[in-house]
């Protein structure tokens, strides 16, 4: 869980560091995949964490997934223009 959650920001940072071209979108897709993986880990942790903590963190991950998806689409539209 720690590795998948950490991978979210690490990939955004690495992609941002490479500029706003196709590589950034690639790293955002990897980050989005890590966010989805993290959601799965939180769902599996129902015997370890309180339900309210799991719900809050899944909601945050859903927000991250939406933001990365929107940014990927924006970059795609920008590159197609």
N, C-alpha and C. Protein backbone atom coordinates (compact mmCIF):
# COMPACT_ATOMS: atom_id res chain seq x y z
N UNK A 1 0.83 -1.18 0.00
CA UNK A 1 0.00 0.00 0.00
C UNK A 1 0.88 1.25 0.00
N UNK A 2 1.91 1.25 0.82
CA UNK A 2 2.79 2.42 0.90
C UNK A 2 3.47 2.65 -0.45
N UNK A 3 3.89 1.58 -1.08
CA UNK A 3 4.57 1.73 -2.37
C UNK A 3 3.63 2.24 -3.45
N UNK A 4 2.41 1.74 -3.49
CA UNK A 4 1.49 2.17 -4.54
C UNK A 4 1.05 3.62 -4.33
N UNK A 5 0.82 4.00 -3.08
CA UNK A 5 0.44 5.39 -2.78
C UNK A 5 1.61 6.33 -3.08
N UNK A 6 2.80 5.93 -2.70
CA UNK A 6 3.98 6.75 -2.96
C UNK A 6 4.26 6.92 -4.44
N UNK A 7 3.91 5.91 -5.21
CA UNK A 7 4.13 5.95 -6.65
C UNK A 7 3.26 7.01 -7.33
N UNK A 8 2.13 7.35 -6.74
CA UNK A 8 1.25 8.35 -7.34
C UNK A 8 1.99 9.67 -7.50
N UNK A 9 2.46 10.21 -6.39
CA UNK A 9 3.14 11.52 -6.45
C UNK A 9 4.50 11.42 -7.14
N UNK A 10 5.19 10.30 -6.95
CA UNK A 10 6.51 10.15 -7.57
C UNK A 10 6.42 10.23 -9.09
N UNK A 11 5.42 9.60 -9.67
CA UNK A 11 5.27 9.64 -11.12
C UNK A 11 4.81 10.99 -11.63
N UNK A 12 3.97 11.67 -10.88
CA UNK A 12 3.57 13.03 -11.27
C UNK A 12 4.80 13.94 -11.25
N UNK A 13 5.59 13.83 -10.20
CA UNK A 13 6.79 14.66 -10.09
C UNK A 13 7.79 14.37 -11.20
N UNK A 14 8.01 13.09 -11.49
CA UNK A 14 8.96 12.75 -12.55
C UNK A 14 8.46 13.24 -13.91
N UNK A 15 7.19 13.03 -14.18
CA UNK A 15 6.63 13.50 -15.45
C UNK A 15 6.68 15.00 -15.59
N UNK A 16 6.37 15.71 -14.52
CA UNK A 16 6.42 17.17 -14.54
C UNK A 16 7.84 17.65 -14.79
N UNK A 17 8.80 16.96 -14.19
CA UNK A 17 10.20 17.31 -14.38
C UNK A 17 10.69 17.14 -15.80
N UNK A 18 10.00 16.33 -16.56
CA UNK A 18 10.39 16.09 -17.95
C UNK A 18 9.70 17.05 -18.91
N UNK A 19 8.83 17.89 -18.42
CA UNK A 19 8.15 18.86 -19.28
C UNK A 19 6.71 18.44 -19.56
N UNK A 20 6.04 19.26 -20.35
CA UNK A 20 4.62 19.04 -20.59
C UNK A 20 4.31 18.35 -21.91
N UNK A 21 5.24 17.57 -22.40
CA UNK A 21 5.01 16.85 -23.65
C UNK A 21 4.35 15.51 -23.41
N UNK A 22 4.58 14.60 -24.34
CA UNK A 22 3.97 13.28 -24.28
C UNK A 22 4.44 12.48 -23.07
N UNK A 23 5.67 12.74 -22.63
CA UNK A 23 6.19 12.01 -21.47
C UNK A 23 5.39 12.33 -20.21
N UNK A 24 4.98 13.58 -20.05
CA UNK A 24 4.21 13.96 -18.87
C UNK A 24 2.90 13.18 -18.84
N UNK A 25 2.22 13.10 -19.96
CA UNK A 25 0.96 12.34 -20.03
C UNK A 25 1.21 10.86 -19.71
N UNK A 26 2.33 10.33 -20.19
CA UNK A 26 2.68 8.94 -19.92
C UNK A 26 2.82 8.71 -18.40
N UNK A 27 3.53 9.59 -17.73
CA UNK A 27 3.72 9.44 -16.29
C UNK A 27 2.42 9.68 -15.52
N UNK A 28 1.56 10.53 -16.05
CA UNK A 28 0.24 10.71 -15.42
C UNK A 28 -0.58 9.44 -15.51
N UNK A 29 -0.48 8.74 -16.63
CA UNK A 29 -1.20 7.46 -16.77
C UNK A 29 -0.67 6.43 -15.78
N UNK A 30 0.64 6.41 -15.58
CA UNK A 30 1.22 5.50 -14.59
C UNK A 30 0.73 5.89 -13.20
N UNK A 31 0.71 7.18 -12.91
CA UNK A 31 0.23 7.68 -11.62
C UNK A 31 -1.22 7.29 -11.38
N UNK A 32 -2.04 7.43 -12.42
CA UNK A 32 -3.46 7.06 -12.32
C UNK A 32 -3.60 5.56 -12.04
N UNK A 33 -2.77 4.76 -12.67
CA UNK A 33 -2.78 3.32 -12.41
C UNK A 33 -2.41 3.01 -10.97
N UNK A 34 -1.45 3.74 -10.43
CA UNK A 34 -1.06 3.56 -9.03
C UNK A 34 -2.18 3.97 -8.09
N UNK A 35 -2.92 5.01 -8.46
CA UNK A 35 -4.07 5.43 -7.63
C UNK A 35 -5.14 4.34 -7.63
N UNK A 36 -5.37 3.75 -8.78
CA UNK A 36 -6.36 2.65 -8.86
C UNK A 36 -5.89 1.44 -8.07
N UNK A 37 -4.58 1.15 -8.15
CA UNK A 37 -4.03 0.04 -7.36
C UNK A 37 -4.20 0.33 -5.87
N UNK A 38 -3.94 1.56 -5.47
CA UNK A 38 -4.06 1.94 -4.06
C UNK A 38 -5.49 1.77 -3.56
N UNK A 39 -6.47 2.13 -4.41
CA UNK A 39 -7.87 1.91 -4.04
C UNK A 39 -8.12 0.45 -3.71
N UNK A 40 -7.57 -0.42 -4.53
CA UNK A 40 -7.73 -1.86 -4.29
C UNK A 40 -7.13 -2.28 -2.96
N UNK A 41 -5.95 -1.74 -2.65
CA UNK A 41 -5.31 -2.08 -1.37
C UNK A 41 -6.15 -1.58 -0.19
N UNK A 42 -6.72 -0.38 -0.32
CA UNK A 42 -7.55 0.13 0.77
C UNK A 42 -8.81 -0.72 0.95
N UNK A 43 -9.39 -1.15 -0.15
CA UNK A 43 -10.57 -2.01 -0.05
C UNK A 43 -10.24 -3.34 0.62
N UNK A 44 -9.03 -3.83 0.38
CA UNK A 44 -8.61 -5.09 0.99
C UNK A 44 -8.21 -4.93 2.45
N UNK A 45 -8.03 -3.70 2.89
CA UNK A 45 -7.56 -3.46 4.27
C UNK A 45 -8.70 -3.30 5.26
N UNK A 46 -9.88 -3.76 4.92
CA UNK A 46 -11.05 -3.56 5.78
C UNK A 46 -10.91 -4.20 7.15
N UNK A 47 -9.98 -5.13 7.29
CA UNK A 47 -9.77 -5.75 8.59
C UNK A 47 -8.65 -5.07 9.39
N UNK A 48 -8.00 -4.10 8.75
CA UNK A 48 -6.87 -3.41 9.40
C UNK A 48 -7.17 -1.96 9.76
N UNK A 49 -8.01 -1.31 8.96
CA UNK A 49 -8.30 0.11 9.15
C UNK A 49 -9.78 0.34 9.44
N UNK A 50 -10.06 1.45 10.08
CA UNK A 50 -11.44 1.84 10.37
C UNK A 50 -12.17 2.16 9.06
N UNK A 51 -13.44 1.82 8.96
CA UNK A 51 -14.20 2.08 7.73
C UNK A 51 -14.18 3.54 7.29
N UNK A 52 -14.25 4.48 8.25
CA UNK A 52 -14.26 5.89 7.88
C UNK A 52 -12.92 6.32 7.26
N UNK A 53 -11.82 5.75 7.73
CA UNK A 53 -10.51 6.06 7.16
C UNK A 53 -10.43 5.54 5.73
N UNK A 54 -10.91 4.32 5.54
CA UNK A 54 -10.90 3.73 4.20
C UNK A 54 -11.74 4.57 3.25
N UNK A 55 -12.92 4.97 3.68
CA UNK A 55 -13.81 5.78 2.82
C UNK A 55 -13.17 7.11 2.46
N UNK A 56 -12.55 7.77 3.44
CA UNK A 56 -11.90 9.06 3.19
C UNK A 56 -10.77 8.92 2.18
N UNK A 57 -9.96 7.91 2.35
CA UNK A 57 -8.81 7.73 1.47
C UNK A 57 -9.23 7.30 0.07
N UNK A 58 -10.26 6.49 -0.03
CA UNK A 58 -10.77 6.12 -1.36
C UNK A 58 -11.36 7.35 -2.05
N UNK A 59 -12.03 8.21 -1.30
CA UNK A 59 -12.56 9.45 -1.89
C UNK A 59 -11.42 10.34 -2.40
N UNK A 60 -10.33 10.43 -1.63
CA UNK A 60 -9.17 11.20 -2.09
C UNK A 60 -8.57 10.59 -3.35
N UNK A 61 -8.47 9.28 -3.38
CA UNK A 61 -7.93 8.61 -4.56
C UNK A 61 -8.84 8.81 -5.77
N UNK A 62 -10.15 8.80 -5.56
CA UNK A 62 -11.08 9.08 -6.66
C UNK A 62 -10.85 10.48 -7.22
N UNK A 63 -10.59 11.45 -6.33
CA UNK A 63 -10.29 12.81 -6.77
C UNK A 63 -9.01 12.87 -7.58
N UNK A 64 -8.00 12.15 -7.13
CA UNK A 64 -6.72 12.11 -7.84
C UNK A 64 -6.91 11.48 -9.22
N UNK A 65 -7.68 10.41 -9.28
CA UNK A 65 -7.95 9.75 -10.57
C UNK A 65 -8.66 10.71 -11.52
N UNK A 66 -9.64 11.44 -11.02
CA UNK A 66 -10.37 12.40 -11.86
C UNK A 66 -9.44 13.51 -12.34
N UNK A 67 -8.59 14.03 -11.45
CA UNK A 67 -7.67 15.11 -11.84
C UNK A 67 -6.65 14.64 -12.87
N UNK A 68 -6.08 13.46 -12.65
CA UNK A 68 -5.09 12.99 -13.62
C UNK A 68 -5.74 12.69 -14.96
N UNK A 69 -6.95 12.13 -14.94
CA UNK A 69 -7.66 11.85 -16.18
C UNK A 69 -7.94 13.15 -16.94
N UNK A 70 -8.40 14.18 -16.23
CA UNK A 70 -8.68 15.47 -16.86
C UNK A 70 -7.41 16.10 -17.43
N UNK A 71 -6.32 16.00 -16.71
CA UNK A 71 -5.06 16.57 -17.18
C UNK A 71 -4.55 15.82 -18.40
N UNK A 72 -4.66 14.50 -18.39
CA UNK A 72 -4.26 13.70 -19.55
C UNK A 72 -5.07 14.12 -20.77
N UNK A 73 -6.38 14.29 -20.59
CA UNK A 73 -7.24 14.69 -21.71
C UNK A 73 -6.87 16.08 -22.21
N UNK A 74 -6.59 17.00 -21.30
CA UNK A 74 -6.19 18.35 -21.68
C UNK A 74 -4.90 18.32 -22.50
N UNK A 75 -3.92 17.54 -22.04
CA UNK A 75 -2.66 17.42 -22.77
C UNK A 75 -2.88 16.79 -24.15
N UNK A 76 -3.74 15.80 -24.20
CA UNK A 76 -4.05 15.14 -25.47
C UNK A 76 -4.69 16.14 -26.46
N UNK A 77 -5.65 16.91 -25.96
CA UNK A 77 -6.31 17.91 -26.80
C UNK A 77 -5.32 18.98 -27.27
N UNK A 78 -4.43 19.37 -26.38
CA UNK A 78 -3.43 20.39 -26.70
C UNK A 78 -2.47 19.88 -27.76
N UNK A 79 -2.07 18.62 -27.66
CA UNK A 79 -1.14 18.04 -28.64
C UNK A 79 -1.80 17.83 -29.99
N UNK A 80 -3.13 17.64 -30.00
CA UNK A 80 -3.85 17.43 -31.26
C UNK A 80 -4.18 18.74 -31.96
N UNK A 81 -4.02 19.85 -31.26
CA UNK A 81 -4.35 21.16 -31.86
C UNK A 81 -3.25 21.69 -32.73
